[in-house]
Amino acid sequence: MKVLFTLHARERMMQRGAAEQEVIETIRKPDTTFSDKEGRTRFRRAWAGKVVEVRAVLEVETWVVVTVIVQ
């Protein structure tokens, strides 16, 4: 599985303290997954002390990460 990051997603990762490997692993092994009203897939996973949510769209066998939220 290939994962690409938009510029917006990279900016949010830096701003919110999410490492690239955490985002990739959240997509590969999420605790929960669901679709939102915009047609994106939301992957959510708990990490030590935080929850990472990745919003992405699947484009020809590649997940394109749109944004990343850390709670």
PDB file of N, CA and C in Angstrom:
ATOM      1  N   MET A   1       0.846  -1.176   0.000  1.00  0.00           N
ATOM      2  CA  MET A   1       0.000   0.000   0.000  1.00  0.00           C
ATOM      3  C   MET A   1       0.893   1.242   0.000  1.00  0.00           C
ATOM      4  N   LYS A   2       0.576   2.160  -0.879  1.00  0.00           N
ATOM      5  CA  LYS A   2       1.330   3.401  -0.988  1.00  0.00           C
ATOM      6  C   LYS A   2       0.571   4.516  -0.275  1.00  0.00           C
ATOM      7  N   VAL A   3       1.306   5.427   0.345  1.00  0.00           N
ATOM      8  CA  VAL A   3       0.703   6.559   1.050  1.00  0.00           C
ATOM      9  C   VAL A   3       1.378   7.836   0.566  1.00  0.00           C
ATOM     10  N   LEU A   4       0.568   8.802   0.132  1.00  0.00           N
ATOM     11  CA  LEU A   4       1.064  10.119  -0.257  1.00  0.00           C
ATOM     12  C   LEU A   4       0.485  11.161   0.686  1.00  0.00           C
ATOM     13  N   PHE A   5       1.229  12.223   0.912  1.00  0.00           N
ATOM     14  CA  PHE A   5       0.801  13.282   1.818  1.00  0.00           C
ATOM     15  C   PHE A   5       0.624  14.585   1.052  1.00  0.00           C
ATOM     16  N   THR A   6      -0.511  15.246   1.256  1.00  0.00           N
ATOM     17  CA  THR A   6      -0.686  16.583   0.700  1.00  0.00           C
ATOM     18  C   THR A   6       0.168  17.546   1.514  1.00  0.00           C
ATOM     19  N   LEU A   7       0.417  18.713   0.953  1.00  0.00           N
ATOM     20  CA  LEU A   7       1.160  19.736   1.678  1.00  0.00           C
ATOM     21  C   LEU A   7       0.422  20.109   2.962  1.00  0.00           C
ATOM     22  N   HIS A   8      -0.902  20.236   2.865  1.00  0.00           N
ATOM     23  CA  HIS A   8      -1.713  20.555   4.044  1.00  0.00           C
ATOM     24  C   HIS A   8      -1.504  19.503   5.136  1.00  0.00           C
ATOM     25  N   ALA A   9      -1.529  18.221   4.757  1.00  0.00           N
ATOM     26  CA  ALA A   9      -1.347  17.148   5.738  1.00  0.00           C
ATOM     27  C   ALA A   9       0.027  17.235   6.398  1.00  0.00           C
ATOM     28  N   ARG A  10       1.070  17.479   5.606  1.00  0.00           N
ATOM     29  CA  ARG A  10       2.418  17.605   6.168  1.00  0.00           C
ATOM     30  C   ARG A  10       2.504  18.773   7.147  1.00  0.00           C
ATOM     31  N   GLU A  11       1.877  19.890   6.786  1.00  0.00           N
ATOM     32  CA  GLU A  11       1.876  21.051   7.678  1.00  0.00           C
ATOM     33  C   GLU A  11       1.173  20.737   8.988  1.00  0.00           C
ATOM     34  N   ARG A  12       0.028  20.060   8.916  1.00  0.00           N
ATOM     35  CA  ARG A  12      -0.716  19.717  10.129  1.00  0.00           C
ATOM     36  C   ARG A  12       0.044  18.706  10.982  1.00  0.00           C
ATOM     37  N   MET A  13       0.725  17.752  10.346  1.00  0.00           N
ATOM     38  CA  MET A  13       1.527  16.783  11.092  1.00  0.00           C
ATOM     39  C   MET A  13       2.593  17.493  11.915  1.00  0.00           C
ATOM     40  N   MET A  14       3.284  18.446  11.293  1.00  0.00           N
ATOM     41  CA  MET A  14       4.322  19.194  12.014  1.00  0.00           C
ATOM     42  C   MET A  14       3.703  20.034  13.116  1.00  0.00           C
ATOM     43  N   GLN A  15       2.618  20.710  12.804  1.00  0.00           N
ATOM     44  CA  GLN A  15       1.941  21.587  13.763  1.00  0.00           C
ATOM     45  C   GLN A  15       1.389  20.817  14.953  1.00  0.00           C
ATOM     46  N   ARG A  16       0.887  19.622  14.698  1.00  0.00           N
ATOM     47  CA  ARG A  16       0.169  18.869  15.732  1.00  0.00           C
ATOM     48  C   ARG A  16       0.978  17.738  16.351  1.00  0.00           C
ATOM     49  N   GLY A  17       2.208  17.541  15.907  1.00  0.00           N
ATOM     50  CA  GLY A  17       3.084  16.558  16.541  1.00  0.00           C
ATOM     51  C   GLY A  17       2.825  15.116  16.169  1.00  0.00           C
ATOM     52  N   ALA A  18       2.495  14.870  14.904  1.00  0.00           N
ATOM     53  CA  ALA A  18       2.288  13.495  14.438  1.00  0.00           C
ATOM     54  C   ALA A  18       3.440  13.110  13.517  1.00  0.00           C
ATOM     55  N   ALA A  19       4.094  12.009  13.811  1.00  0.00           N
ATOM     56  CA  ALA A  19       5.198  11.518  12.983  1.00  0.00           C
ATOM     57  C   ALA A  19       4.654  10.792  11.757  1.00  0.00           C
ATOM     58  N   GLU A  20       5.416  10.819  10.675  1.00  0.00           N
ATOM     59  CA  GLU A  20       4.999  10.143   9.445  1.00  0.00           C
ATOM     60  C   GLU A  20       4.703   8.660   9.693  1.00  0.00           C
ATOM     61  N   GLN A  21       5.551   7.993  10.459  1.00  0.00           N
ATOM     62  CA  GLN A  21       5.350   6.566  10.726  1.00  0.00           C
ATOM     63  C   GLN A  21       4.066   6.327  11.520  1.00  0.00           C
ATOM     64  N   GLU A  22       3.724   7.215  12.438  1.00  0.00           N
ATOM     65  CA  GLU A  22       2.460   7.083  13.173  1.00  0.00           C
ATOM     66  C   GLU A  22       1.276   7.178  12.218  1.00  0.00           C
ATOM     67  N   VAL A  23       1.348   8.085  11.275  1.00  0.00           N
ATOM     68  CA  VAL A  23       0.260   8.258  10.312  1.00  0.00           C
ATOM     69  C   VAL A  23       0.130   7.014   9.431  1.00  0.00           C
ATOM     70  N   ILE A  24       1.237   6.514   8.915  1.00  0.00           N
ATOM     71  CA  ILE A  24       1.208   5.323   8.064  1.00  0.00           C
ATOM     72  C   ILE A  24       0.672   4.122   8.836  1.00  0.00           C
ATOM     73  N   GLU A  25       1.134   3.941  10.061  1.00  0.00           N
ATOM     74  CA  GLU A  25       0.658   2.811  10.866  1.00  0.00           C
ATOM     75  C   GLU A  25      -0.809   2.975  11.269  1.00  0.00           C
ATOM     76  N   THR A  26      -1.263   4.204  11.421  1.00  0.00           N
ATOM     77  CA  THR A  26      -2.678   4.443  11.713  1.00  0.00           C
ATOM     78  C   THR A  26      -3.533   3.990  10.538  1.00  0.00           C
ATOM     79  N   ILE A  27      -3.060   4.206   9.325  1.00  0.00           N
ATOM     80  CA  ILE A  27      -3.785   3.736   8.135  1.00  0.00           C
ATOM     81  C   ILE A  27      -3.707   2.212   8.038  1.00  0.00           C
ATOM     82  N   ARG A  28      -2.553   1.646   8.291  1.00  0.00           N
ATOM     83  CA  ARG A  28      -2.368   0.189   8.164  1.00  0.00           C
ATOM     84  C   ARG A  28      -3.101  -0.603   9.243  1.00  0.00           C
ATOM     85  N   LYS A  29      -3.073  -0.100  10.485  1.00  0.00           N
ATOM     86  CA  LYS A  29      -3.639  -0.841  11.622  1.00  0.00           C
ATOM     87  C   LYS A  29      -4.458   0.090  12.507  1.00  0.00           C
ATOM     88  N   PRO A  30      -5.589   0.594  12.001  1.00  0.00           N
ATOM     89  CA  PRO A  30      -6.391   1.526  12.808  1.00  0.00           C
ATOM     90  C   PRO A  30      -7.164   0.813  13.906  1.00  0.00           C
ATOM     91  N   ASP A  31      -7.474   1.560  14.969  1.00  0.00           N
ATOM     92  CA  ASP A  31      -8.394   1.054  15.995  1.00  0.00           C
ATOM     93  C   ASP A  31      -9.823   1.135  15.470  1.00  0.00           C
ATOM     94  N   THR A  32     -10.134   2.219  14.746  1.00  0.00           N
ATOM     95  CA  THR A  32     -11.451   2.387  14.130  1.00  0.00           C
ATOM     96  C   THR A  32     -11.292   3.047  12.763  1.00  0.00           C
ATOM     97  N   THR A  33     -12.249   2.756  11.889  1.00  0.00           N
ATOM     98  CA  THR A  33     -12.279   3.334  10.547  1.00  0.00           C
ATOM     99  C   THR A  33     -13.721   3.632  10.193  1.00  0.00           C
ATOM    100  N   PHE A  34     -13.951   4.790   9.595  1.00  0.00           N
ATOM    101  CA  PHE A  34     -15.295   5.122   9.117  1.00  0.00           C
ATOM    102  C   PHE A  34     -15.197   6.170   8.027  1.00  0.00           C
ATOM    103  N   SER A  35     -16.266   6.315   7.244  1.00  0.00           N
ATOM    104  CA  SER A  35     -16.315   7.305   6.174  1.00  0.00           C
ATOM    105  C   SER A  35     -17.003   8.568   6.668  1.00  0.00           C
ATOM    106  N   ASP A  36     -16.559   9.712   6.146  1.00  0.00           N
ATOM    107  CA  ASP A  36     -17.231  10.958   6.507  1.00  0.00           C
ATOM    108  C   ASP A  36     -18.113  11.425   5.361  1.00  0.00           C
ATOM    109  N   LYS A  37     -18.824  12.519   5.561  1.00  0.00           N
ATOM    110  CA  LYS A  37     -19.793  12.988   4.570  1.00  0.00           C
ATOM    111  C   LYS A  37     -19.136  13.505   3.288  1.00  0.00           C
ATOM    112  N   GLU A  38     -17.831  13.793   3.342  1.00  0.00           N
ATOM    113  CA  GLU A  38     -17.107  14.236   2.148  1.00  0.00           C
ATOM    114  C   GLU A  38     -16.572  13.068   1.321  1.00  0.00           C
ATOM    115  N   GLY A  39     -16.809  11.836   1.788  1.00  0.00           N
ATOM    116  CA  GLY A  39     -16.340  10.659   1.070  1.00  0.00           C
ATOM    117  C   GLY A  39     -14.922  10.239   1.416  1.00  0.00           C
ATOM    118  N   ARG A  40     -14.346  10.881   2.418  1.00  0.00           N
ATOM    119  CA  ARG A  40     -13.008  10.497   2.860  1.00  0.00           C
ATOM    120  C   ARG A  40     -13.116   9.387   3.897  1.00  0.00           C
ATOM    121  N   THR A  41     -12.047   8.630   4.038  1.00  0.00           N
ATOM    122  CA  THR A  41     -11.978   7.613   5.077  1.00  0.00           C
ATOM    123  C   THR A  41     -11.223   8.201   6.256  1.00  0.00           C
ATOM    124  N   ARG A  42     -11.758   7.974   7.444  1.00  0.00           N
ATOM    125  CA  ARG A  42     -11.106   8.408   8.682  1.00  0.00           C
ATOM    126  C   ARG A  42     -10.543   7.183   9.386  1.00  0.00           C
ATOM    127  N   PHE A  43      -9.271   7.234   9.647  1.00  0.00           N
ATOM    128  CA  PHE A  43      -8.581   6.174  10.389  1.00  0.00           C
ATOM    129  C   PHE A  43      -8.210   6.760  11.733  1.00  0.00           C
ATOM    130  N   ARG A  44      -8.486   6.040  12.800  1.00  0.00           N
ATOM    131  CA  ARG A  44      -8.180   6.542  14.137  1.00  0.00           C
ATOM    132  C   ARG A  44      -7.424   5.464  14.914  1.00  0.00           C
ATOM    133  N   ARG A  45      -6.371   5.902  15.615  1.00  0.00           N
ATOM    134  CA  ARG A  45      -5.589   4.962  16.423  1.00  0.00           C
ATOM    135  C   ARG A  45      -5.032   5.679  17.645  1.00  0.00           C
ATOM    136  N   ALA A  46      -5.076   4.977  18.774  1.00  0.00           N
ATOM    137  CA  ALA A  46      -4.507   5.502  20.017  1.00  0.00           C
ATOM    138  C   ALA A  46      -3.027   5.155  20.070  1.00  0.00           C
ATOM    139  N   TRP A  47      -2.229   6.166  20.367  1.00  0.00           N
ATOM    140  CA  TRP A  47      -0.797   6.018  20.588  1.00  0.00           C
ATOM    141  C   TRP A  47      -0.524   6.447  22.023  1.00  0.00           C
ATOM    142  N   ALA A  48       0.658   6.249  22.499  1.00  0.00           N
ATOM    143  CA  ALA A  48       1.016   6.608  23.868  1.00  0.00           C
ATOM    144  C   ALA A  48       0.718   8.091  24.125  1.00  0.00           C
ATOM    145  N   GLY A  49      -0.333   8.343  24.875  1.00  0.00           N
ATOM    146  CA  GLY A  49      -0.664   9.703  25.270  1.00  0.00           C
ATOM    147  C   GLY A  49      -1.417  10.538  24.257  1.00  0.00           C
ATOM    148  N   LYS A  50      -1.770   9.961  23.104  1.00  0.00           N
ATOM    149  CA  LYS A  50      -2.503  10.742  22.106  1.00  0.00           C
ATOM    150  C   LYS A  50      -3.294   9.828  21.177  1.00  0.00           C
ATOM    151  N   VAL A  51      -4.261  10.428  20.489  1.00  0.00           N
ATOM    152  CA  VAL A  51      -5.031   9.722  19.467  1.00  0.00           C
ATOM    153  C   VAL A  51      -4.770  10.427  18.144  1.00  0.00           C
ATOM    154  N   VAL A  52      -4.372   9.655  17.138  1.00  0.00           N
ATOM    155  CA  VAL A  52      -4.108  10.204  15.809  1.00  0.00           C
ATOM    156  C   VAL A  52      -5.273   9.832  14.896  1.00  0.00           C
ATOM    157  N   GLU A  53      -5.838  10.844  14.233  1.00  0.00           N
ATOM    158  CA  GLU A  53      -6.888  10.624  13.239  1.00  0.00           C
ATOM    159  C   GLU A  53      -6.359  11.088  11.894  1.00  0.00           C
ATOM    160  N   VAL A  54      -6.433  10.197  10.912  1.00  0.00           N
ATOM    161  CA  VAL A  54      -5.973  10.480   9.558  1.00  0.00           C
ATOM    162  C   VAL A  54      -7.194  10.503   8.656  1.00  0.00           C
ATOM    163  N   ARG A  55      -7.315  11.558   7.863  1.00  0.00           N
ATOM    164  CA  ARG A  55      -8.395  11.642   6.877  1.00  0.00           C
ATOM    165  C   ARG A  55      -7.760  11.527   5.503  1.00  0.00           C
ATOM    166  N   ALA A  56      -8.196  10.514   4.752  1.00  0.00           N
ATOM    167  CA  ALA A  56      -7.551  10.213   3.479  1.00  0.00           C
ATOM    168  C   ALA A  56      -8.562   9.744   2.435  1.00  0.00           C
ATOM    169  N   VAL A  57      -8.150   9.793   1.178  1.00  0.00           N
ATOM    170  CA  VAL A  57      -8.956   9.264   0.075  1.00  0.00           C
ATOM    171  C   VAL A  57      -8.119   8.237  -0.671  1.00  0.00           C
ATOM    172  N   LEU A  58      -8.772   7.196  -1.160  1.00  0.00           N
ATOM    173  CA  LEU A  58      -8.087   6.143  -1.906  1.00  0.00           C
ATOM    174  C   LEU A  58      -8.145   6.479  -3.390  1.00  0.00           C
ATOM    175  N   GLU A  59      -6.968   6.604  -3.984  1.00  0.00           N
ATOM    176  CA  GLU A  59      -6.864   6.902  -5.406  1.00  0.00           C
ATOM    177  C   GLU A  59      -5.937   5.877  -6.054  1.00  0.00           C
ATOM    178  N   VAL A  60      -6.512   4.941  -6.775  1.00  0.00           N
ATOM    179  CA  VAL A  60      -5.773   3.911  -7.518  1.00  0.00           C
ATOM    180  C   VAL A  60      -4.664   3.283  -6.663  1.00  0.00           C
ATOM    181  N   GLU A  61      -5.064   2.564  -5.645  1.00  0.00           N
ATOM    182  CA  GLU A  61      -4.173   1.813  -4.755  1.00  0.00           C
ATOM    183  C   GLU A  61      -3.218   2.687  -3.937  1.00  0.00           C
ATOM    184  N   THR A  62      -3.505   3.981  -3.835  1.00  0.00           N
ATOM    185  CA  THR A  62      -2.691   4.896  -3.044  1.00  0.00           C
ATOM    186  C   THR A  62      -3.593   5.691  -2.113  1.00  0.00           C
ATOM    187  N   TRP A  63      -3.267   5.678  -0.831  1.00  0.00           N
ATOM    188  CA  TRP A  63      -3.978   6.525   0.114  1.00  0.00           C
ATOM    189  C   TRP A  63      -3.363   7.909   0.075  1.00  0.00           C
ATOM    190  N   VAL A  64      -4.177   8.920  -0.219  1.00  0.00           N
ATOM    191  CA  VAL A  64      -3.735  10.307  -0.221  1.00  0.00           C
ATOM    192  C   VAL A  64      -4.221  10.929   1.080  1.00  0.00           C
ATOM    193  N   VAL A  65      -3.272  11.277   1.959  1.00  0.00           N
ATOM    194  CA  VAL A  65      -3.609  11.846   3.253  1.00  0.00           C
ATOM    195  C   VAL A  65      -3.952  13.320   3.069  1.00  0.00           C
ATOM    196  N   VAL A  66      -5.172  13.678   3.461  1.00  0.00           N
ATOM    197  CA  VAL A  66      -5.676  15.038   3.300  1.00  0.00           C
ATOM    198  C   VAL A  66      -5.340  15.890   4.520  1.00  0.00           C
ATOM    199  N   THR A  67      -5.552  15.323   5.709  1.00  0.00           N
ATOM    200  CA  THR A  67      -5.226  16.043   6.939  1.00  0.00           C
ATOM    201  C   THR A  67      -5.015  15.057   8.068  1.00  0.00           C
ATOM    202  N   VAL A  68      -4.403  15.550   9.140  1.00  0.00           N
ATOM    203  CA  VAL A  68      -4.112  14.737  10.320  1.00  0.00           C
ATOM    204  C   VAL A  68      -4.499  15.541  11.545  1.00  0.00           C
ATOM    205  N   ILE A  69      -5.223  14.896  12.454  1.00  0.00           N
ATOM    206  CA  ILE A  69      -5.656  15.529  13.695  1.00  0.00           C
ATOM    207  C   ILE A  69      -5.094  14.724  14.855  1.00  0.00           C
ATOM    208  N   VAL A  70      -4.589  15.417  15.861  1.00  0.00           N
ATOM    209  CA  VAL A  70      -4.063  14.755  17.053  1.00  0.00           C
ATOM    210  C   VAL A  70      -4.838  15.261  18.252  1.00  0.00           C
ATOM    211  N   GLN A  71      -5.336  14.325  19.057  1.00  0.00           N
ATOM    212  CA  GLN A  71      -6.113  14.688  20.244  1.00  0.00           C
ATOM    213  C   GLN A  71      -5.398  14.196  21.480  1.00  0.00           C
TER     214      GLN A  71
END
